[in-house]
Amino acid sequence: MNQILLPNGSKIPYSPESCNPITSPNDSLFPYQWHLKNTGQAMYSPIHPAGVAGNDINVVPTWSMGLSGKGTLVSIVDDGVVLEHEDLQPNATAASINFLYGTNGLASNDPGGSLANHGTSVAGVISARGGNNLGITGVAPCSEFLVYNYLSKSTDSNMTQSLTENKSVFVSNNSWGSEDGSGNYQRAPNSFYTAIESGIANNREGKGTVYVWAAGNGAGTFGEPAGTEVDNSNYDGYTSHYGIITVAGALNTGVRAAFSEKGSNLWLTGYTGRDGNVNTGITTTDNIGANLEWGYNPGGGDTAYPDTSGFNYPDRKYTSSFNGTSAAAPMITGVVSLLLEKYPTFTWRDVKKILAKSAKKIDPSNTSWVTTTPGIDFSTIYGFGAVDAEKTLQTAASWTSLGGSANLKTWSTEGTVNLAIDQSGSFSTQSIAVSGSQITKIESIKLILTSNHPSPGEIRIQVQSPTSPVTRTIEIHEPHLCYSGEKKTLPTKDCSAMTNQFFEISGYLDFPVDGTWKILIKDENNGTPTGNLTYYKIIFYGS
């Protein structure tokens, strides 16, 4: 039998240990896993404020249905995972890939070690073994997982292998993306788009791997004027693709985490902490070393995670300080595992749409929410809302499959234009007439734009739908500063050039395509320089 020989001499067999569903976890730190069940409970540390009851992923009822993720395979693409962790080893497979093999002293299928801090915490959120009287429980406590430590050796070939190699992967978790906090457009390499399209078309015998991605943590304002932000998730090529579920983050009070990037490409919201020291983070597994010197607890001596305030657990195999959209994304991955355990024939398209239709509207007074005639709410801060595991399974019970990539319809048009970008306060308009598309229910829209404006950070761009069934306007780009250097200094609105920049748009779900669409664009800096919109391409995906 294929095995992993671990540094301590123990072995992990190819087949994970037998696992039984749980209904009422007996794990010692479960009371502090507010993202699983938020009763407004007090936290382990008094510096971690209690939340508002109900702001959780509502997963406990699905466990009571007997669901645990059993039989599903999850891929964790990250910096690595310490497979010998007591709460992870029972669900670990021997199919992991160690891209550092030969340099980190571990086996070719053991992606652990000192670099595996982030991924170890991600893995716990998804797949920590529940009901074993140890530590925590994952969202899908019987899901099996494998790991690619791509972030520890980031090459194009390693990325492609991580995203497409194992054709049996049900859901791939990716709590990473482009650099946070620059404000610049950061296209992914072409190999990334090829990999995602291969994975959704070919994996799981044509049903497709479901790709979950963290939206990013770069919304912090730095020196921005009030009301504007730095990064938008749509500027990140890794989170802007129709085959991806892009995940924002909300706090235990049900409002946006300040760092969570907004974007028209958002699909769903998970839960997170503002930071581990001041506001409640996520309780999960932590990396361990020979002298417990790795991980976020106590943080390897890192002053960002001090071990003197009493906010973290005495058992350093666990941490209370995991946060960011990195923590939010694996909650959705876990829910997808539960969904596909129950309905393994569902395709990636089914999963995306079921999640959208079952999402919970949070922070309802936020002005970013819009409601349409099809009855679907959407926000450029929360996507379709916060994931709700119980409602996901209820929606799935009467679902008729959309089919996979082979059944996905597309329609596109493009144009070379010379549209002057208005500076007077009004929008310049580029109209796009569509007829005969044969798409009556949109699933996603990709808009590709080029502008010769030398300071694209001055530009605001919106997209407006036809009048039927209702006119909806969604913002895809706002004026913002860009920053350079490791410390994000030298703000400038020059930013990088807007050349064939991708913008993904989620919020027209179930709209028909035919009609006149509009690109609205204006320059909000009344002066020089000026510029034009010179090219557009719009691609509709749906059924």
Protein backbone atom coordinates (compact mmCIF):
# COMPACT_ATOMS: atom_id res chain seq x y z
CA MET A 1 0.00 0.00 0.00
CA ASN A 2 1.28 3.45 -0.89
CA GLN A 3 2.28 5.35 2.27
CA ILE A 4 3.82 8.62 3.40
CA LEU A 5 6.74 8.25 5.76
CA LEU A 6 6.56 11.21 8.12
CA PRO A 7 9.49 12.84 9.95
CA ASN A 8 8.42 11.23 13.23
CA GLY A 9 8.54 7.77 11.66
CA SER A 10 4.78 7.28 11.47
CA LYS A 11 3.01 6.54 8.22
CA ILE A 12 -0.13 7.79 6.55
CA PRO A 13 -1.85 5.09 4.46
CA TYR A 14 -3.27 5.86 1.06
CA SER A 15 -6.81 5.34 2.37
CA PRO A 16 -7.81 7.75 5.16
CA GLU A 17 -9.13 6.29 8.38
CA SER A 18 -12.76 5.26 8.66
CA CYS A 19 -14.95 8.26 9.50
CA ASN A 20 -18.42 8.54 10.96
CA PRO A 21 -20.69 11.59 10.60
CA ILE A 22 -21.12 13.81 13.64
CA THR A 23 -24.20 15.56 14.96
CA SER A 24 -22.91 17.20 18.14
CA PRO A 25 -19.11 17.64 18.07
CA ASN A 26 -17.21 16.76 21.22
CA ASP A 27 -14.06 18.57 20.10
CA SER A 28 -12.63 20.76 22.85
CA LEU A 29 -12.38 23.98 20.83
CA PHE A 30 -15.68 23.61 18.96
CA PRO A 31 -17.41 26.14 21.29
CA TYR A 32 -15.06 28.81 19.91
CA GLN A 33 -15.66 27.91 16.24
CA TRP A 34 -18.27 30.62 15.88
CA HIS A 35 -18.19 30.36 12.08
CA LEU A 36 -19.81 26.91 12.47
CA LYS A 37 -22.33 27.89 15.15
CA ASN A 38 -22.58 31.49 16.29
CA THR A 39 -24.76 31.89 19.36
CA GLY A 40 -23.16 35.19 20.33
CA GLN A 41 -20.99 33.10 22.63
CA ALA A 42 -18.10 34.46 24.66
CA MET A 43 -14.70 33.78 23.14
CA TYR A 44 -11.66 32.12 24.68
CA SER A 45 -9.99 35.49 25.15
CA PRO A 46 -11.77 38.59 26.48
CA ILE A 47 -10.02 40.69 23.82
CA HIS A 48 -11.98 38.72 21.22
CA PRO A 49 -15.48 40.24 21.22
CA ALA A 50 -18.52 38.02 20.93
CA GLY A 51 -20.43 38.19 17.69
CA VAL A 52 -24.08 38.42 16.74
CA ALA A 53 -25.95 35.11 16.87
CA GLY A 54 -26.73 33.57 13.50
CA ASN A 55 -23.72 34.94 11.65
CA ASP A 56 -22.31 31.54 10.77
CA ILE A 57 -22.43 29.11 7.84
CA ASN A 58 -25.39 27.19 9.37
CA VAL A 59 -23.69 23.83 8.92
CA VAL A 60 -24.84 21.94 12.04
CA PRO A 61 -28.23 20.99 10.50
CA THR A 62 -26.45 19.34 7.56
CA TRP A 63 -24.41 17.21 9.95
CA SER A 64 -27.70 16.13 11.51
CA MET A 65 -28.70 14.93 8.03
CA GLY A 66 -25.72 12.57 8.13
CA LEU A 67 -23.54 14.62 5.79
CA SER A 68 -19.83 14.92 6.50
CA GLY A 69 -18.10 15.23 3.12
CA LYS A 70 -17.44 11.49 3.12
CA GLY A 71 -16.37 10.19 -0.26
CA THR A 72 -15.35 13.58 -1.61
CA LEU A 73 -11.78 14.56 -2.46
CA VAL A 74 -10.63 18.12 -1.72
CA SER A 75 -7.48 19.66 -3.14
CA ILE A 76 -5.69 22.33 -1.08
CA VAL A 77 -3.39 24.48 -3.22
CA ASP A 78 -1.31 26.48 -0.78
CA ASP A 79 2.09 26.73 0.90
CA GLY A 80 1.67 23.16 2.22
CA VAL A 81 -0.05 21.25 5.00
CA VAL A 82 1.45 19.36 7.94
CA LEU A 83 -0.19 16.00 7.31
CA GLU A 84 0.82 14.48 10.65
CA HIS A 85 -1.31 16.96 12.60
CA GLU A 86 -3.54 14.99 14.97
CA ASP A 87 -6.73 16.54 13.56
CA LEU A 88 -5.73 16.26 9.88
CA GLN A 89 -3.93 12.94 9.57
CA PRO A 90 -7.15 10.83 9.62
CA ASN A 91 -8.41 12.55 6.44
CA ALA A 92 -5.10 12.95 4.60
CA THR A 93 -4.41 10.92 1.48
CA ALA A 94 -1.03 10.00 0.06
CA ALA A 95 -1.76 11.80 -3.22
CA SER A 96 -0.20 15.13 -2.18
CA ILE A 97 2.64 16.67 -4.18
CA ASN A 98 5.70 18.26 -2.56
CA PHE A 99 7.24 20.62 -5.11
CA LEU A 100 10.13 21.21 -2.68
CA TYR A 101 11.12 17.55 -2.66
CA GLY A 102 14.88 17.34 -2.53
CA THR A 103 15.28 20.66 -0.73
CA ASN A 104 13.03 20.44 2.34
CA GLY A 105 13.97 16.93 3.43
CA LEU A 106 10.45 15.55 3.12
CA ALA A 107 8.99 12.84 0.91
CA SER A 108 7.72 13.71 -2.56
CA ASN A 109 4.13 13.32 -1.30
CA ASP A 110 4.60 15.10 2.03
CA PRO A 111 4.00 18.88 1.57
CA GLY A 112 4.56 19.81 5.23
CA GLY A 113 7.47 21.48 6.98
CA SER A 114 8.24 24.93 8.30
CA LEU A 115 6.67 26.74 5.31
CA ALA A 116 3.27 25.08 5.69
CA ASN A 117 1.67 27.54 8.12
CA HIS A 118 -1.07 29.00 5.96
CA GLY A 119 -2.19 25.77 4.31
CA THR A 120 -2.32 23.90 7.61
CA SER A 121 -4.84 26.41 8.92
CA VAL A 122 -6.82 26.30 5.67
CA ALA A 123 -6.97 22.49 5.83
CA GLY A 124 -8.40 22.56 9.34
CA VAL A 125 -11.27 24.82 8.33
CA ILE A 126 -12.26 22.32 5.63
CA SER A 127 -11.31 18.88 6.80
CA ALA A 128 -10.30 18.64 10.46
CA ARG A 129 -11.65 15.34 11.80
CA GLY A 130 -14.66 16.05 13.98
CA GLY A 131 -15.95 14.02 16.90
CA ASN A 132 -12.56 12.70 17.96
CA ASN A 133 -12.31 14.61 21.25
CA LEU A 134 -9.45 16.63 19.78
CA GLY A 135 -9.24 20.33 18.98
CA ILE A 136 -11.70 21.34 16.29
CA THR A 137 -13.98 20.09 13.56
CA GLY A 138 -13.89 20.99 9.91
CA VAL A 139 -16.90 22.05 7.88
CA ALA A 140 -16.70 18.67 6.11
CA PRO A 141 -15.15 16.53 8.86
CA CYS A 142 -14.94 13.30 6.83
CA SER A 143 -13.74 14.83 3.55
CA GLU A 144 -10.49 13.43 2.20
CA PHE A 145 -7.82 15.85 1.05
CA LEU A 146 -4.59 16.15 -0.86
CA VAL A 147 -2.20 19.08 -0.97
CA TYR A 148 -0.07 20.88 -3.54
CA ASN A 149 2.49 23.20 -1.93
CA TYR A 150 2.49 25.41 -5.02
CA LEU A 151 2.94 28.66 -3.07
CA SER A 152 6.28 27.37 -1.80
CA LYS A 153 7.52 26.94 -5.38
CA SER A 154 5.36 29.03 -7.69
CA THR A 155 6.03 28.13 -11.31
CA ASP A 156 3.56 27.97 -14.19
CA SER A 157 4.03 24.23 -14.56
CA ASN A 158 3.49 23.67 -10.83
CA MET A 159 0.33 25.77 -10.97
CA THR A 160 -1.04 23.79 -13.90
CA GLN A 161 -0.26 20.52 -12.15
CA SER A 162 -1.88 21.74 -8.94
CA LEU A 163 -5.11 22.75 -10.67
CA THR A 164 -5.56 19.96 -13.21
CA GLU A 165 -3.43 16.88 -12.48
CA ASN A 166 -5.82 14.91 -10.27
CA LYS A 167 -8.98 14.42 -12.30
CA SER A 168 -10.89 13.05 -9.29
CA VAL A 169 -10.82 16.27 -7.26
CA PHE A 170 -14.33 17.43 -6.32
CA VAL A 171 -13.34 20.90 -5.11
CA SER A 172 -10.07 22.84 -5.22
CA ASN A 173 -9.42 25.43 -2.50
CA ASN A 174 -7.20 28.38 -3.41
CA SER A 175 -6.69 30.88 -0.60
CA TRP A 176 -4.20 32.93 -2.64
CA GLY A 177 -3.99 35.34 -5.54
CA SER A 178 -2.07 38.35 -6.80
CA GLU A 179 -0.28 40.77 -4.49
CA ASP A 180 -2.59 42.68 -2.14
CA GLY A 181 -2.59 46.44 -1.77
CA SER A 182 -1.04 47.74 -4.99
CA GLY A 183 -4.19 48.88 -6.81
CA ASN A 184 -2.71 47.72 -10.12
CA TYR A 185 -4.21 45.34 -12.65
CA GLN A 186 -2.57 41.95 -12.28
CA ARG A 187 -3.36 39.52 -15.07
CA ALA A 188 -2.85 35.84 -14.44
CA PRO A 189 -0.69 33.95 -16.95
CA ASN A 190 -2.49 32.36 -19.88
CA SER A 191 -1.63 28.95 -18.47
CA PHE A 192 -3.92 29.70 -15.52
CA TYR A 193 -6.99 30.28 -17.72
CA THR A 194 -6.17 27.16 -19.73
CA ALA A 195 -5.86 25.13 -16.53
CA ILE A 196 -9.19 26.28 -15.10
CA GLU A 197 -11.03 25.62 -18.36
CA SER A 198 -9.49 22.17 -18.56
CA GLY A 199 -10.45 21.40 -14.96
CA ILE A 200 -14.09 22.41 -15.28
CA ALA A 201 -14.45 20.62 -18.62
CA ASN A 202 -12.59 17.37 -18.02
CA ASN A 203 -12.32 16.56 -14.32
CA ARG A 204 -14.81 14.34 -12.49
CA GLU A 205 -15.69 12.65 -15.79
CA GLY A 206 -16.87 15.90 -17.33
CA LYS A 207 -18.74 17.24 -14.29
CA GLY A 208 -15.74 19.44 -13.47
CA THR A 209 -13.73 20.35 -10.43
CA VAL A 210 -15.29 23.22 -8.45
CA TYR A 211 -12.69 26.00 -7.97
CA VAL A 212 -12.98 28.20 -4.87
CA TRP A 213 -10.84 31.34 -4.60
CA ALA A 214 -10.23 33.96 -1.89
CA ALA A 215 -11.22 37.43 -3.13
CA GLY A 216 -8.19 39.17 -1.59
CA ASN A 217 -7.33 41.37 1.39
CA GLY A 218 -6.22 44.57 -0.33
CA ALA A 219 -9.19 46.87 0.20
CA GLY A 220 -7.41 48.86 2.93
CA THR A 221 -7.52 52.55 2.17
CA PHE A 222 -3.91 53.53 2.99
CA GLY A 223 -3.81 57.17 1.83
CA GLU A 224 -6.98 56.99 -0.24
CA PRO A 225 -9.65 59.68 0.00
CA ALA A 226 -12.65 58.74 2.12
CA GLY A 227 -14.95 56.32 0.32
CA THR A 228 -12.35 54.93 -2.07
CA GLU A 229 -10.24 51.81 -1.79
CA VAL A 230 -7.03 50.31 -3.17
CA ASP A 231 -7.63 46.84 -4.60
CA ASN A 232 -10.75 45.53 -6.22
CA SER A 233 -11.01 41.76 -6.61
CA ASN A 234 -11.72 42.31 -10.30
CA TYR A 235 -8.19 43.65 -10.82
CA ASP A 236 -6.84 40.19 -9.90
CA GLY A 237 -6.80 37.79 -12.84
CA TYR A 238 -6.85 34.75 -10.57
CA THR A 239 -10.28 35.66 -9.19
CA SER A 240 -11.87 36.80 -12.46
CA HIS A 241 -12.98 33.77 -14.42
CA TYR A 242 -16.44 32.32 -15.03
CA GLY A 243 -15.30 28.93 -13.70
CA ILE A 244 -14.37 30.25 -10.26
CA ILE A 245 -16.28 30.94 -7.04
CA THR A 246 -14.73 34.12 -5.63
CA VAL A 247 -15.23 34.54 -1.88
CA ALA A 248 -15.38 37.72 0.21
CA GLY A 249 -15.16 37.89 4.02
CA ALA A 250 -17.55 39.05 6.76
CA LEU A 251 -17.03 39.38 10.52
CA ASN A 252 -18.88 37.55 13.29
CA THR A 253 -21.22 40.55 13.46
CA GLY A 254 -22.39 40.04 9.89
CA VAL A 255 -20.67 43.02 8.29
CA ARG A 256 -17.79 43.23 5.86
CA ALA A 257 -14.23 42.74 7.05
CA ALA A 258 -12.44 46.00 6.28
CA PHE A 259 -9.75 44.32 4.17
CA SER A 260 -12.15 42.23 2.07
CA GLU A 261 -12.02 43.39 -1.54
CA LYS A 262 -15.22 44.23 -3.31
CA GLY A 263 -15.82 43.47 -6.96
CA SER A 264 -18.44 42.65 -9.54
CA ASN A 265 -16.76 39.23 -9.80
CA LEU A 266 -17.67 38.20 -6.23
CA TRP A 267 -19.89 35.15 -5.90
CA LEU A 268 -20.22 34.40 -2.21
CA THR A 269 -19.19 35.44 1.30
CA GLY A 270 -17.62 33.34 4.05
CA TYR A 271 -16.63 34.42 7.55
CA THR A 272 -13.34 35.72 8.88
CA GLY A 273 -11.79 37.92 11.56
CA ARG A 274 -10.53 41.48 11.25
CA ASP A 275 -7.25 40.36 12.79
CA GLY A 276 -6.20 37.79 15.34
CA ASN A 277 -5.05 40.21 18.02
CA VAL A 278 -7.92 42.65 18.27
CA ASN A 279 -10.96 41.07 16.65
CA THR A 280 -12.12 37.49 16.63
CA GLY A 281 -10.25 35.32 14.15
CA ILE A 282 -11.05 31.79 13.03
CA THR A 283 -10.14 28.84 15.25
CA THR A 284 -8.38 26.14 13.25
CA THR A 285 -5.39 23.81 13.11
CA ASP A 286 -1.88 25.28 13.34
CA ASN A 287 1.50 24.17 12.06
CA ILE A 288 3.72 22.33 14.51
CA GLY A 289 7.47 21.83 14.66
CA ALA A 290 9.92 19.93 16.79
CA ASN A 291 9.85 22.76 19.33
CA LEU A 292 6.39 24.09 18.47
CA GLU A 293 8.13 27.01 16.82
CA TRP A 294 6.08 27.18 13.63
CA GLY A 295 2.64 28.50 12.81
CA TYR A 296 0.49 31.37 14.06
CA ASN A 297 0.44 30.25 17.69
CA PRO A 298 2.83 31.57 18.99
CA GLY A 299 3.77 32.67 15.49
CA GLY A 300 7.41 31.71 15.47
CA GLY A 301 8.34 34.84 17.41
CA ASP A 302 6.60 37.12 14.91
CA THR A 303 5.52 40.28 16.77
CA ALA A 304 2.32 40.29 14.72
CA TYR A 305 1.23 37.23 16.68
CA PRO A 306 2.58 37.71 20.23
CA ASP A 307 2.12 34.92 22.73
CA THR A 308 1.81 37.14 25.79
CA SER A 309 -1.70 38.56 25.61
CA GLY A 310 -3.56 35.37 26.40
CA PHE A 311 -5.64 35.50 23.23
CA ASN A 312 -4.35 32.22 21.77
CA TYR A 313 -4.73 28.65 22.96
CA PRO A 314 -2.29 26.89 25.32
CA ASP A 315 -2.33 23.95 22.88
CA ARG A 316 -0.18 25.37 20.11
CA LYS A 317 -1.37 22.83 17.59
CA TYR A 318 -4.35 25.16 17.22
CA THR A 319 -4.78 28.88 16.69
CA SER A 320 -7.54 31.42 17.24
CA SER A 321 -5.98 34.01 14.95
CA PHE A 322 -6.50 32.78 11.38
CA ASN A 323 -8.21 35.41 9.25
CA GLY A 324 -8.43 37.10 5.86
CA THR A 325 -10.44 35.91 2.89
CA SER A 326 -8.02 32.98 3.13
CA ALA A 327 -10.15 31.79 6.04
CA ALA A 328 -13.47 32.58 4.35
CA ALA A 329 -12.83 30.59 1.17
CA PRO A 330 -12.33 27.15 2.77
CA MET A 331 -15.71 27.44 4.48
CA ILE A 332 -17.29 27.47 1.03
CA THR A 333 -15.03 24.58 -0.02
CA GLY A 334 -16.32 22.57 2.94
CA VAL A 335 -19.95 23.30 2.07
CA VAL A 336 -19.31 22.23 -1.54
CA SER A 337 -17.88 18.97 -0.20
CA LEU A 338 -21.09 18.36 1.77
CA LEU A 339 -23.22 19.21 -1.26
CA LEU A 340 -21.32 16.88 -3.59
CA GLU A 341 -21.39 14.05 -1.06
CA LYS A 342 -25.18 14.17 -1.27
CA TYR A 343 -25.36 14.95 -4.99
CA PRO A 344 -22.15 13.67 -6.64
CA THR A 345 -23.57 14.02 -10.17
CA PHE A 346 -23.89 17.81 -9.92
CA THR A 347 -21.60 19.77 -12.21
CA TRP A 348 -19.51 22.83 -11.40
CA ARG A 349 -22.26 24.96 -12.96
CA ASP A 350 -24.90 23.41 -10.73
CA VAL A 351 -22.80 24.06 -7.64
CA LYS A 352 -22.18 27.72 -8.47
CA LYS A 353 -25.82 28.47 -9.14
CA ILE A 354 -27.15 26.53 -6.14
CA LEU A 355 -24.80 28.47 -3.87
CA ALA A 356 -25.96 31.78 -5.35
CA LYS A 357 -29.65 30.97 -4.99
CA SER A 358 -29.29 29.71 -1.42
CA ALA A 359 -27.01 32.47 -0.09
CA LYS A 360 -28.06 34.52 2.93
CA LYS A 361 -28.43 38.30 2.60
CA ILE A 362 -26.33 39.89 5.34
CA ASP A 363 -25.89 43.55 6.26
CA PRO A 364 -29.20 44.20 4.43
CA SER A 365 -29.09 47.99 4.83
CA ASN A 366 -25.81 48.21 2.91
CA THR A 367 -26.37 50.33 -0.19
CA SER A 368 -24.41 47.92 -2.38
CA TRP A 369 -27.36 45.50 -2.52
CA VAL A 370 -29.57 45.52 -5.60
CA THR A 371 -32.64 43.38 -6.25
CA THR A 372 -33.91 42.39 -9.66
CA THR A 373 -37.10 41.04 -11.17
CA PRO A 374 -35.68 37.48 -11.18
CA GLY A 375 -35.63 37.85 -7.40
CA ILE A 376 -31.90 37.50 -6.85
CA ASP A 377 -30.04 39.95 -4.64
CA PHE A 378 -26.45 40.89 -5.47
CA SER A 379 -23.81 43.10 -3.87
CA THR A 380 -20.35 44.15 -5.04
CA ILE A 381 -19.29 43.68 -1.38
CA TYR A 382 -20.94 40.33 -0.57
CA GLY A 383 -21.67 38.73 -3.94
CA PHE A 384 -24.96 36.84 -3.64
CA GLY A 385 -24.57 36.74 0.14
CA ALA A 386 -23.14 34.55 2.89
CA VAL A 387 -23.01 30.81 2.41
CA ASP A 388 -25.75 28.89 4.23
CA ALA A 389 -25.09 25.13 4.27
CA GLU A 390 -28.61 24.08 5.25
CA LYS A 391 -30.26 26.25 2.58
CA THR A 392 -27.73 24.99 0.04
CA LEU A 393 -28.90 21.41 0.60
CA GLN A 394 -32.56 22.46 0.61
CA THR A 395 -32.15 24.24 -2.73
CA ALA A 396 -30.30 21.26 -4.16
CA ALA A 397 -33.11 18.86 -3.29
CA SER A 398 -35.27 20.03 -6.20
CA TRP A 399 -32.45 21.01 -8.57
CA THR A 400 -32.37 20.03 -12.23
CA SER A 401 -28.83 19.84 -13.55
CA LEU A 402 -27.63 22.47 -16.02
CA GLY A 403 -25.04 20.12 -17.44
CA GLY A 404 -21.33 20.79 -17.55
CA SER A 405 -19.04 22.86 -19.72
CA ALA A 406 -20.21 21.08 -22.86
CA ASN A 407 -23.70 22.51 -22.30
CA LEU A 408 -22.58 26.06 -21.50
CA LYS A 409 -23.61 28.56 -24.18
CA THR A 410 -21.46 31.57 -25.06
CA TRP A 411 -22.04 34.68 -27.15
CA SER A 412 -19.57 37.48 -27.75
CA THR A 413 -18.95 40.65 -29.68
CA GLU A 414 -16.12 43.16 -29.78
CA GLY A 415 -15.32 46.54 -31.23
CA THR A 416 -12.50 48.98 -31.82
CA VAL A 417 -13.77 52.40 -30.75
CA ASN A 418 -12.55 55.91 -30.00
CA LEU A 419 -14.86 56.96 -27.17
CA ALA A 420 -13.68 60.09 -25.35
CA ILE A 421 -13.92 59.56 -21.58
CA ASP A 422 -16.05 62.40 -20.20
CA GLN A 423 -14.55 64.66 -17.50
CA SER A 424 -17.55 66.89 -16.85
CA GLY A 425 -19.20 64.53 -14.37
CA SER A 426 -21.38 62.67 -16.83
CA PHE A 427 -20.76 59.19 -18.19
CA SER A 428 -19.69 58.55 -21.75
CA THR A 429 -21.68 55.63 -23.15
CA GLN A 430 -20.74 52.76 -25.41
CA SER A 431 -23.84 50.85 -26.45
CA ILE A 432 -23.73 47.19 -27.45
CA ALA A 433 -26.79 45.78 -29.23
CA VAL A 434 -27.28 42.03 -28.82
CA SER A 435 -29.77 39.85 -30.68
CA GLY A 436 -30.03 36.16 -31.47
CA SER A 437 -27.76 35.10 -28.59
CA GLN A 438 -30.01 32.17 -27.60
CA ILE A 439 -28.95 32.72 -23.97
CA THR A 440 -31.98 33.34 -21.78
CA LYS A 441 -30.26 32.88 -18.41
CA ILE A 442 -26.86 34.49 -17.86
CA GLU A 443 -24.39 32.78 -15.53
CA SER A 444 -21.47 35.18 -15.94
CA ILE A 445 -20.18 38.00 -18.13
CA LYS A 446 -16.61 38.79 -19.06
CA LEU A 447 -15.81 42.31 -20.24
CA ILE A 448 -12.39 43.05 -21.72
CA LEU A 449 -11.41 46.72 -22.00
CA THR A 450 -8.52 48.76 -23.34
CA SER A 451 -8.06 52.49 -22.74
CA ASN A 452 -5.25 54.84 -23.72
CA HIS A 453 -5.91 56.99 -20.64
CA PRO A 454 -2.46 57.47 -19.03
CA SER A 455 -3.97 57.60 -15.50
CA PRO A 456 -6.61 54.87 -15.35
CA GLY A 457 -6.86 55.31 -11.59
CA GLU A 458 -9.05 58.36 -12.35
CA ILE A 459 -11.71 56.31 -14.16
CA ARG A 460 -15.09 54.98 -13.01
CA ILE A 461 -16.72 52.25 -15.11
CA GLN A 462 -20.16 50.72 -14.85
CA VAL A 463 -22.15 48.24 -16.92
CA GLN A 464 -25.86 48.69 -17.52
CA SER A 465 -28.25 45.95 -18.58
CA PRO A 466 -31.12 46.27 -21.09
CA THR A 467 -34.48 47.48 -19.82
CA SER A 468 -35.97 43.96 -19.79
CA PRO A 469 -36.54 42.46 -17.29
CA VAL A 470 -35.18 45.46 -15.40
CA THR A 471 -32.30 47.87 -15.85
CA ARG A 472 -29.49 47.10 -13.46
CA THR A 473 -26.23 49.04 -13.21
CA ILE A 474 -23.17 47.36 -11.69
CA GLU A 475 -19.86 49.09 -11.04
CA ILE A 476 -16.74 47.24 -12.20
CA HIS A 477 -14.03 49.89 -11.64
CA GLU A 478 -13.70 52.91 -9.37
CA PRO A 479 -11.16 55.74 -9.05
CA HIS A 480 -8.30 54.70 -6.80
CA LEU A 481 -4.64 55.25 -6.03
CA CYS A 482 -1.89 52.77 -6.83
CA TYR A 483 1.07 52.00 -4.60
CA SER A 484 4.54 50.73 -5.29
CA GLY A 485 7.22 49.03 -3.25
CA GLU A 486 7.08 46.58 -0.38
CA LYS A 487 5.70 49.19 2.04
CA LYS A 488 3.14 50.44 -0.49
CA THR A 489 4.60 53.93 -0.77
CA LEU A 490 4.47 56.52 -3.55
CA PRO A 491 0.73 56.67 -4.25
CA THR A 492 -0.15 57.64 -7.79
CA LYS A 493 -3.27 57.49 -9.91
CA ASP A 494 -1.19 56.53 -12.92
CA CYS A 495 -1.50 52.85 -12.04
CA SER A 496 -0.75 50.22 -14.68
CA ALA A 497 -2.14 50.53 -18.18
CA MET A 498 -5.66 49.28 -18.86
CA THR A 499 -4.77 46.98 -21.74
CA ASN A 500 -7.08 44.05 -22.47
CA GLN A 501 -8.07 44.11 -18.81
CA PHE A 502 -10.51 41.38 -17.76
CA PHE A 503 -13.57 42.25 -15.67
CA GLU A 504 -15.84 39.42 -14.55
CA ILE A 505 -19.45 40.30 -13.72
CA SER A 506 -21.58 37.95 -11.60
CA GLY A 507 -24.61 40.06 -10.78
CA TYR A 508 -26.71 39.49 -13.89
CA LEU A 509 -27.49 35.89 -12.96
CA ASP A 510 -30.57 34.60 -14.83
CA PHE A 511 -30.90 37.76 -16.96
CA PRO A 512 -31.50 37.27 -20.70
CA VAL A 513 -28.72 38.46 -22.98
CA ASP A 514 -30.63 40.01 -25.89
CA GLY A 515 -31.07 43.77 -25.75
CA THR A 516 -28.86 46.83 -25.59
CA TRP A 517 -26.07 46.74 -23.02
CA LYS A 518 -24.10 49.83 -22.10
CA ILE A 519 -20.58 50.51 -20.91
CA LEU A 520 -20.61 53.73 -18.84
CA ILE A 521 -17.25 55.41 -18.30
CA LYS A 522 -16.06 58.76 -16.92
CA ASP A 523 -12.92 60.49 -15.69
CA GLU A 524 -13.43 61.92 -12.19
CA ASN A 525 -10.33 64.10 -12.25
CA ASN A 526 -11.48 67.29 -13.99
CA GLY A 527 -8.25 68.27 -15.73
CA THR A 528 -5.37 66.61 -17.51
CA PRO A 529 -4.56 64.01 -18.62
CA THR A 530 -7.46 62.72 -20.68
CA GLY A 531 -8.02 59.57 -22.69
CA ASN A 532 -10.34 57.35 -24.68
CA LEU A 533 -11.86 53.90 -24.48
CA THR A 534 -10.31 52.19 -27.51
CA TYR A 535 -11.48 48.57 -27.40
CA TYR A 536 -14.09 46.36 -25.79
CA LYS A 537 -15.07 42.71 -25.94
CA ILE A 538 -18.02 41.29 -24.07
CA ILE A 539 -18.60 37.55 -23.58
CA PHE A 540 -21.81 36.13 -22.12
CA TYR A 541 -21.97 32.66 -20.55
CA GLY A 542 -25.19 30.88 -19.69
CA SER A 543 -28.01 28.65 -20.80
